[in-house]
Amino acid sequence: MIRLDQNSEKELIKLFETKNVGLEGNIIRLFESENDDFKNYLVKCANKDKESRRKRLEITKKVQTQNNELSELNEKNQTMMEDLQSTLKEAEEQKTQIEKQNEELMEWREENEKIQQELQKEMLKSEQSRMESEAAKTNALNDLDILQKRNQTELISTIVRVALYIIVGVGIVTTGVYVFTLVMGKDTQVISSAWSNIFGILLTNAFSIVGTIMGIKYATENKQ
């Protein structure tokens, strides 16, 4: 046990009363004294020590609780950071994929535009070829129609010319025979009647031939 002299005890009591500084810890139990004031001092120091220990314990518990909460918050923050990093990584991958898809889409669009341009060129060429073919067909039909009309005209002219030649030739021959008979002083009654009949027949056949040819030409044109 520890015993102090009276002066030391008074100094400790004075220090406690003026500075509120006293003994702490288990050492308080080691002091012995017959001085009531010092005994009260030791009791106050013990009570103060207990109160200090209690407060420190509460503070320690609070600090531990706060540390636990901070640790949990730190873990949650760490988890959130990992989730955020994972989300950012996925977003970056999606961005890269979207950019790649956009590039592929642009390439496909450019190729599609080129194909459309080629198709338009081919369609223009086809349309030009069709128009040229139709123009050539029209020209050919016109040339054929002109050629047919020319051939028909030439054929009709030839037929009319031959028919007229025949009619004129027969008329000349018949007239020559009639004139020869008159010159010879023969009876012209029979030959005159025959001559008139022949001329009538020739004129009738001439008009019939010309009418038939014109009718055929008109019917052919209507049919075309």
C-alpha atoms as a PDB file:
ATOM      1  CA  MET A   1       0.000   0.000   0.000  1.00  0.00           C
ATOM      2  CA  ILE A   2       1.075   3.610  -0.550  1.00  0.00           C
ATOM      3  CA  ARG A   3       1.067   6.276   2.096  1.00  0.00           C
ATOM      4  CA  LEU A   4       1.760   9.938   1.479  1.00  0.00           C
ATOM      5  CA  ASP A   5       2.645  12.683   3.808  1.00  0.00           C
ATOM      6  CA  GLN A   6       0.126  15.365   4.601  1.00  0.00           C
ATOM      7  CA  ASN A   7       1.730  17.968   2.349  1.00  0.00           C
ATOM      8  CA  SER A   8       1.575  15.623  -0.667  1.00  0.00           C
ATOM      9  CA  GLU A   9      -2.032  14.794   0.078  1.00  0.00           C
ATOM     10  CA  LYS A  10      -2.870  18.482   0.346  1.00  0.00           C
ATOM     11  CA  GLU A  11      -1.113  19.195  -2.938  1.00  0.00           C
ATOM     12  CA  LEU A  12      -3.056  16.412  -4.670  1.00  0.00           C
ATOM     13  CA  ILE A  13      -6.337  17.684  -3.221  1.00  0.00           C
ATOM     14  CA  LYS A  14      -5.489  21.268  -4.238  1.00  0.00           C
ATOM     15  CA  LEU A  15      -4.560  20.143  -7.736  1.00  0.00           C
ATOM     16  CA  PHE A  16      -7.884  18.318  -8.052  1.00  0.00           C
ATOM     17  CA  GLU A  17      -9.886  21.269  -6.794  1.00  0.00           C
ATOM     18  CA  THR A  18      -8.096  23.887  -8.910  1.00  0.00           C
ATOM     19  CA  LYS A  19      -7.188  21.989 -12.077  1.00  0.00           C
ATOM     20  CA  ASN A  20      -9.677  19.110 -11.866  1.00  0.00           C
ATOM     21  CA  VAL A  21      -6.746  16.733 -12.265  1.00  0.00           C
ATOM     22  CA  GLY A  22      -6.705  13.664 -10.079  1.00  0.00           C
ATOM     23  CA  LEU A  23      -5.437  10.154  -9.865  1.00  0.00           C
ATOM     24  CA  GLU A  24      -6.694   7.656 -12.407  1.00  0.00           C
ATOM     25  CA  GLY A  25      -6.658   3.943 -12.809  1.00  0.00           C
ATOM     26  CA  ASN A  26      -6.075   1.086 -10.418  1.00  0.00           C
ATOM     27  CA  ILE A  27      -3.406   3.034  -8.596  1.00  0.00           C
ATOM     28  CA  ILE A  28      -6.171   4.754  -6.586  1.00  0.00           C
ATOM     29  CA  ARG A  29      -6.765   1.498  -4.729  1.00  0.00           C
ATOM     30  CA  LEU A  30      -3.162   1.383  -3.548  1.00  0.00           C
ATOM     31  CA  PHE A  31      -3.345   4.576  -1.510  1.00  0.00           C
ATOM     32  CA  GLU A  32      -4.111   4.514   2.190  1.00  0.00           C
ATOM     33  CA  SER A  33      -4.719   7.472   4.448  1.00  0.00           C
ATOM     34  CA  GLU A  34      -6.331   8.384   7.729  1.00  0.00           C
ATOM     35  CA  ASN A  35      -7.135  11.859   6.418  1.00  0.00           C
ATOM     36  CA  ASP A  36     -10.821  12.105   5.614  1.00  0.00           C
ATOM     37  CA  ASP A  37     -10.255  14.798   3.089  1.00  0.00           C
ATOM     38  CA  PHE A  38      -7.787  12.610   1.199  1.00  0.00           C
ATOM     39  CA  LYS A  39     -10.170   9.664   1.460  1.00  0.00           C
ATOM     40  CA  ASN A  40     -12.881  11.829  -0.072  1.00  0.00           C
ATOM     41  CA  TYR A  41     -10.330  12.857  -2.682  1.00  0.00           C
ATOM     42  CA  LEU A  42      -9.654   9.197  -3.503  1.00  0.00           C
ATOM     43  CA  VAL A  43     -13.396   8.482  -3.731  1.00  0.00           C
ATOM     44  CA  LYS A  44     -13.863  11.472  -6.053  1.00  0.00           C
ATOM     45  CA  CYS A  45     -10.914  10.367  -8.145  1.00  0.00           C
ATOM     46  CA  ALA A  46     -12.324   6.821  -8.306  1.00  0.00           C
ATOM     47  CA  ASN A  47     -15.767   8.141  -9.277  1.00  0.00           C
ATOM     48  CA  LYS A  48     -14.215  10.445 -11.824  1.00  0.00           C
ATOM     49  CA  ASP A  49     -12.135   7.570 -13.158  1.00  0.00           C
ATOM     50  CA  LYS A  50     -15.231   5.401 -13.434  1.00  0.00           C
ATOM     51  CA  GLU A  51     -17.085   8.202 -15.202  1.00  0.00           C
ATOM     52  CA  SER A  52     -14.120   8.756 -17.493  1.00  0.00           C
ATOM     53  CA  ARG A  53     -13.906   5.035 -18.209  1.00  0.00           C
ATOM     54  CA  ARG A  54     -17.643   4.950 -18.889  1.00  0.00           C
ATOM     55  CA  LYS A  55     -17.419   7.917 -21.255  1.00  0.00           C
ATOM     56  CA  ARG A  56     -14.374   6.484 -22.969  1.00  0.00           C
ATOM     57  CA  LEU A  57     -16.204   3.188 -23.320  1.00  0.00           C
ATOM     58  CA  GLU A  58     -19.223   4.929 -24.808  1.00  0.00           C
ATOM     59  CA  ILE A  59     -16.958   6.891 -27.122  1.00  0.00           C
ATOM     60  CA  THR A  60     -15.148   3.702 -28.034  1.00  0.00           C
ATOM     61  CA  LYS A  61     -18.460   1.982 -28.737  1.00  0.00           C
ATOM     62  CA  LYS A  62     -19.607   4.946 -30.795  1.00  0.00           C
ATOM     63  CA  VAL A  63     -16.321   4.984 -32.651  1.00  0.00           C
ATOM     64  CA  GLN A  64     -16.579   1.243 -33.250  1.00  0.00           C
ATOM     65  CA  THR A  65     -20.173   1.652 -34.382  1.00  0.00           C
ATOM     66  CA  GLN A  66     -19.181   4.501 -36.652  1.00  0.00           C
ATOM     67  CA  ASN A  67     -16.229   2.470 -37.886  1.00  0.00           C
ATOM     68  CA  ASN A  68     -18.553  -0.441 -38.595  1.00  0.00           C
ATOM     69  CA  GLU A  69     -20.963   1.887 -40.370  1.00  0.00           C
ATOM     70  CA  LEU A  70     -18.104   3.440 -42.287  1.00  0.00           C
ATOM     71  CA  SER A  71     -16.834  -0.026 -43.136  1.00  0.00           C
ATOM     72  CA  GLU A  72     -20.284  -1.021 -44.363  1.00  0.00           C
ATOM     73  CA  LEU A  73     -20.557   2.224 -46.279  1.00  0.00           C
ATOM     74  CA  ASN A  74     -17.122   1.618 -47.681  1.00  0.00           C
ATOM     75  CA  GLU A  75     -18.124  -1.883 -48.764  1.00  0.00           C
ATOM     76  CA  LYS A  76     -21.330  -0.495 -50.276  1.00  0.00           C
ATOM     77  CA  ASN A  77     -19.341   2.227 -52.011  1.00  0.00           C
ATOM     78  CA  GLN A  78     -16.890  -0.373 -53.231  1.00  0.00           C
ATOM     79  CA  THR A  79     -19.770  -2.488 -54.528  1.00  0.00           C
ATOM     80  CA  MET A  80     -21.334   0.572 -56.114  1.00  0.00           C
ATOM     81  CA  MET A  81     -18.011   1.521 -57.688  1.00  0.00           C
ATOM     82  CA  GLU A  82     -17.624  -1.997 -59.049  1.00  0.00           C
ATOM     83  CA  ASP A  83     -21.200  -1.915 -60.373  1.00  0.00           C
ATOM     84  CA  LEU A  84     -20.547   1.519 -61.828  1.00  0.00           C
ATOM     85  CA  GLN A  85     -17.339   0.356 -63.460  1.00  0.00           C
ATOM     86  CA  SER A  86     -19.147  -2.698 -64.802  1.00  0.00           C
ATOM     87  CA  THR A  87     -21.961  -0.471 -66.090  1.00  0.00           C
ATOM     88  CA  LEU A  88     -19.455   1.907 -67.655  1.00  0.00           C
ATOM     89  CA  LYS A  89     -17.665  -1.028 -69.257  1.00  0.00           C
ATOM     90  CA  GLU A  90     -20.952  -2.388 -70.627  1.00  0.00           C
ATOM     91  CA  ALA A  91     -21.899   1.093 -71.829  1.00  0.00           C
ATOM     92  CA  GLU A  92     -18.525   1.415 -73.551  1.00  0.00           C
ATOM     93  CA  GLU A  93     -18.962  -1.993 -75.159  1.00  0.00           C
ATOM     94  CA  GLN A  94     -22.483  -1.066 -76.254  1.00  0.00           C
ATOM     95  CA  LYS A  95     -21.170   2.240 -77.595  1.00  0.00           C
ATOM     96  CA  THR A  96     -18.475   0.401 -79.543  1.00  0.00           C
ATOM     97  CA  GLN A  97     -21.035  -2.066 -80.848  1.00  0.00           C
ATOM     98  CA  ILE A  98     -23.426   0.739 -81.821  1.00  0.00           C
ATOM     99  CA  GLU A  99     -20.609   2.590 -83.604  1.00  0.00           C
ATOM    100  CA  LYS A 100     -19.712  -0.616 -85.436  1.00  0.00           C
ATOM    101  CA  GLN A 101     -23.347  -1.167 -86.397  1.00  0.00           C
ATOM    102  CA  ASN A 102     -23.583   2.446 -87.552  1.00  0.00           C
ATOM    103  CA  GLU A 103     -20.480   1.977 -89.691  1.00  0.00           C
ATOM    104  CA  GLU A 104     -21.920  -1.216 -91.170  1.00  0.00           C
ATOM    105  CA  LEU A 105     -25.224   0.577 -91.754  1.00  0.00           C
ATOM    106  CA  MET A 106     -23.452   3.463 -93.489  1.00  0.00           C
ATOM    107  CA  GLU A 107     -21.506   1.020 -95.665  1.00  0.00           C
ATOM    108  CA  TRP A 108     -24.705  -0.849 -96.509  1.00  0.00           C
ATOM    109  CA  ARG A 109     -26.433   2.459 -97.272  1.00  0.00           C
ATOM    110  CA  GLU A 110     -23.597   3.557 -99.556  1.00  0.00           C
ATOM    111  CA  GLU A 111     -23.657   0.197-101.335  1.00  0.00           C
ATOM    112  CA  ASN A 112     -27.447   0.413-101.636  1.00  0.00           C
ATOM    113  CA  GLU A 113     -27.178   3.926-103.090  1.00  0.00           C
ATOM    114  CA  LYS A 114     -24.575   2.700-105.580  1.00  0.00           C
ATOM    115  CA  ILE A 115     -26.845  -0.208-106.546  1.00  0.00           C
ATOM    116  CA  GLN A 116     -29.788   2.170-106.943  1.00  0.00           C
ATOM    117  CA  GLN A 117     -27.680   4.480-109.089  1.00  0.00           C
ATOM    118  CA  GLU A 118     -26.600   1.529-111.240  1.00  0.00           C
ATOM    119  CA  LEU A 119     -30.230   0.392-111.518  1.00  0.00           C
ATOM    120  CA  GLN A 120     -31.297   3.893-112.505  1.00  0.00           C
ATOM    121  CA  LYS A 121     -28.561   3.982-115.148  1.00  0.00           C
ATOM    122  CA  GLU A 122     -29.626   0.559-116.420  1.00  0.00           C
ATOM    123  CA  MET A 123     -33.270   1.674-116.435  1.00  0.00           C
ATOM    124  CA  LEU A 124     -32.319   4.817-118.381  1.00  0.00           C
ATOM    125  CA  LYS A 125     -30.331   2.716-120.828  1.00  0.00           C
ATOM    126  CA  SER A 126     -33.224   0.262-121.120  1.00  0.00           C
ATOM    127  CA  GLU A 127     -35.679   3.125-121.631  1.00  0.00           C
ATOM    128  CA  GLN A 128     -33.417   4.668-124.262  1.00  0.00           C
ATOM    129  CA  SER A 129     -33.040   1.289-125.952  1.00  0.00           C
ATOM    130  CA  ARG A 130     -36.816   0.815-125.851  1.00  0.00           C
ATOM    131  CA  MET A 131     -37.411   4.263-127.301  1.00  0.00           C
ATOM    132  CA  GLU A 132     -34.780   3.643-129.965  1.00  0.00           C
ATOM    133  CA  SER A 133     -36.382   0.252-130.722  1.00  0.00           C
ATOM    134  CA  GLU A 134     -39.832   1.842-130.931  1.00  0.00           C
ATOM    135  CA  ALA A 135     -38.441   4.615-133.136  1.00  0.00           C
ATOM    136  CA  ALA A 136     -36.723   2.033-135.338  1.00  0.00           C
ATOM    137  CA  LYS A 137     -39.926  -0.023-135.422  1.00  0.00           C
ATOM    138  CA  THR A 138     -41.949   3.065-136.325  1.00  0.00           C
ATOM    139  CA  ASN A 139     -39.462   4.005-139.017  1.00  0.00           C
ATOM    140  CA  ALA A 140     -39.477   0.448-140.327  1.00  0.00           C
ATOM    141  CA  LEU A 141     -43.285   0.382-140.382  1.00  0.00           C
ATOM    142  CA  ASN A 142     -43.357   3.756-142.098  1.00  0.00           C
ATOM    143  CA  ASP A 143     -40.775   2.587-144.608  1.00  0.00           C
ATOM    144  CA  LEU A 144     -42.741  -0.631-145.137  1.00  0.00           C
ATOM    145  CA  ASP A 145     -45.998   1.271-145.524  1.00  0.00           C
ATOM    146  CA  ILE A 146     -44.359   3.663-147.962  1.00  0.00           C
ATOM    147  CA  LEU A 147     -42.841   0.719-149.836  1.00  0.00           C
ATOM    148  CA  GLN A 148     -46.193  -1.097-149.915  1.00  0.00           C
ATOM    149  CA  LYS A 149     -47.978   2.007-151.114  1.00  0.00           C
ATOM    150  CA  ARG A 150     -45.279   2.584-153.678  1.00  0.00           C
ATOM    151  CA  ASN A 151     -45.526  -1.018-154.856  1.00  0.00           C
ATOM    152  CA  GLN A 152     -49.317  -0.808-154.903  1.00  0.00           C
ATOM    153  CA  THR A 153     -49.154   2.467-156.821  1.00  0.00           C
ATOM    154  CA  GLU A 154     -46.638   1.041-159.237  1.00  0.00           C
ATOM    155  CA  LEU A 155     -48.703  -2.157-159.623  1.00  0.00           C
ATOM    156  CA  ILE A 156     -51.921  -0.200-160.151  1.00  0.00           C
ATOM    157  CA  SER A 157     -50.173   2.106-162.572  1.00  0.00           C
ATOM    158  CA  THR A 158     -48.800  -0.893-164.459  1.00  0.00           C
ATOM    159  CA  ILE A 159     -52.186  -2.641-164.551  1.00  0.00           C
ATOM    160  CA  VAL A 160     -53.957   0.527-165.683  1.00  0.00           C
ATOM    161  CA  ARG A 161     -51.244   1.225-168.236  1.00  0.00           C
ATOM    162  CA  VAL A 162     -51.400  -2.346-169.646  1.00  0.00           C
ATOM    163  CA  ALA A 163     -55.203  -2.276-169.675  1.00  0.00           C
ATOM    164  CA  LEU A 164     -55.189   1.062-171.480  1.00  0.00           C
ATOM    165  CA  TYR A 165     -52.606  -0.219-173.927  1.00  0.00           C
ATOM    166  CA  ILE A 166     -54.753  -3.277-174.611  1.00  0.00           C
ATOM    167  CA  ILE A 167     -57.914  -1.217-174.928  1.00  0.00           C
ATOM    168  CA  VAL A 168     -56.228   1.340-177.195  1.00  0.00           C
ATOM    169  CA  GLY A 169     -54.572  -1.464-179.207  1.00  0.00           C
ATOM    170  CA  VAL A 170     -57.866  -3.303-179.666  1.00  0.00           C
ATOM    171  CA  GLY A 171     -59.556  -0.010-180.559  1.00  0.00           C
ATOM    172  CA  ILE A 172     -56.862   0.814-183.076  1.00  0.00           C
ATOM    173  CA  VAL A 173     -57.027  -2.658-184.627  1.00  0.00           C
ATOM    174  CA  THR A 174     -60.801  -2.588-184.753  1.00  0.00           C
ATOM    175  CA  THR A 175     -60.811   0.908-186.233  1.00  0.00           C
ATOM    176  CA  GLY A 176     -58.145  -0.127-188.735  1.00  0.00           C
ATOM    177  CA  VAL A 177     -60.282  -3.088-189.841  1.00  0.00           C
ATOM    178  CA  TYR A 178     -63.323  -0.845-190.083  1.00  0.00           C
ATOM    179  CA  VAL A 179     -61.390   1.752-192.106  1.00  0.00           C
ATOM    180  CA  PHE A 180     -59.886  -0.971-194.309  1.00  0.00           C
ATOM    181  CA  THR A 181     -63.377  -2.281-195.024  1.00  0.00           C
ATOM    182  CA  LEU A 182     -64.561   1.221-195.960  1.00  0.00           C
ATOM    183  CA  VAL A 183     -61.608   1.687-198.248  1.00  0.00           C
ATOM    184  CA  MET A 184     -62.190  -1.644-199.934  1.00  0.00           C
ATOM    185  CA  GLY A 185     -65.811  -0.655-200.553  1.00  0.00           C
ATOM    186  CA  LYS A 186     -67.223  -3.622-198.714  1.00  0.00           C
ATOM    187  CA  ASP A 187     -70.505  -3.709-196.890  1.00  0.00           C
ATOM    188  CA  THR A 188     -69.831  -1.958-193.537  1.00  0.00           C
ATOM    189  CA  GLN A 189     -73.139  -2.617-191.846  1.00  0.00           C
ATOM    190  CA  VAL A 190     -71.951  -5.706-190.045  1.00  0.00           C
ATOM    191  CA  ILE A 191     -68.482  -4.374-189.318  1.00  0.00           C
ATOM    192  CA  SER A 192     -69.942  -1.057-188.133  1.00  0.00           C
ATOM    193  CA  SER A 193     -72.222  -2.856-185.680  1.00  0.00           C
ATOM    194  CA  ALA A 194     -69.329  -5.031-184.541  1.00  0.00           C
ATOM    195  CA  TRP A 195     -67.071  -2.001-184.243  1.00  0.00           C
ATOM    196  CA  SER A 196     -69.603  -0.194-182.049  1.00  0.00           C
ATOM    197  CA  ASN A 197     -70.123  -3.248-179.864  1.00  0.00           C
ATOM    198  CA  ILE A 198     -66.366  -3.766-179.455  1.00  0.00           C
ATOM    199  CA  PHE A 199     -65.834  -0.125-178.468  1.00  0.00           C
ATOM    200  CA  GLY A 200     -68.688  -0.362-175.955  1.00  0.00           C
ATOM    201  CA  ILE A 201     -67.235  -3.538-174.503  1.00  0.00           C
ATOM    202  CA  LEU A 202     -63.745  -2.002-174.358  1.00  0.00           C
ATOM    203  CA  LEU A 203     -64.974   1.111-172.592  1.00  0.00           C
ATOM    204  CA  THR A 204     -67.043  -0.976-170.171  1.00  0.00           C
ATOM    205  CA  ASN A 205     -64.084  -3.259-169.408  1.00  0.00           C
ATOM    206  CA  ALA A 206     -61.770  -0.258-169.001  1.00  0.00           C
ATOM    207  CA  PHE A 207     -64.042   1.388-166.439  1.00  0.00           C
ATOM    208  CA  SER A 208     -64.622  -1.993-164.776  1.00  0.00           C
ATOM    209  CA  ILE A 209     -60.875  -2.605-164.457  1.00  0.00           C
ATOM    210  CA  VAL A 210     -60.200   0.884-163.081  1.00  0.00           C
ATOM    211  CA  GLY A 211     -63.150   0.617-160.640  1.00  0.00           C
ATOM    212  CA  THR A 212     -62.057  -2.825-159.458  1.00  0.00           C
ATOM    213  CA  ILE A 213     -58.491  -1.625-158.855  1.00  0.00           C
ATOM    214  CA  MET A 214     -59.652   1.458-156.950  1.00  0.00           C
ATOM    215  CA  GLY A 215     -62.016  -0.674-154.857  1.00  0.00           C
ATOM    216  CA  ILE A 216     -59.267  -3.110-153.986  1.00  0.00           C
ATOM    217  CA  LYS A 217     -56.959  -0.226-153.008  1.00  0.00           C
ATOM    218  CA  TYR A 218     -59.656   1.360-150.828  1.00  0.00           C
ATOM    219  CA  ALA A 219     -60.480  -1.961-149.115  1.00  0.00           C
ATOM    220  CA  THR A 220     -56.794  -2.659-148.494  1.00  0.00           C
ATOM    221  CA  GLU A 221     -56.263   0.749-146.894  1.00  0.00           C
ATOM    222  CA  ASN A 222     -59.296   0.289-144.600  1.00  0.00           C
ATOM    223  CA  LYS A 223     -58.112  -3.144-143.576  1.00  0.00           C
ATOM    224  CA  GLN A 224     -54.656  -1.777-142.635  1.00  0.00           C
END
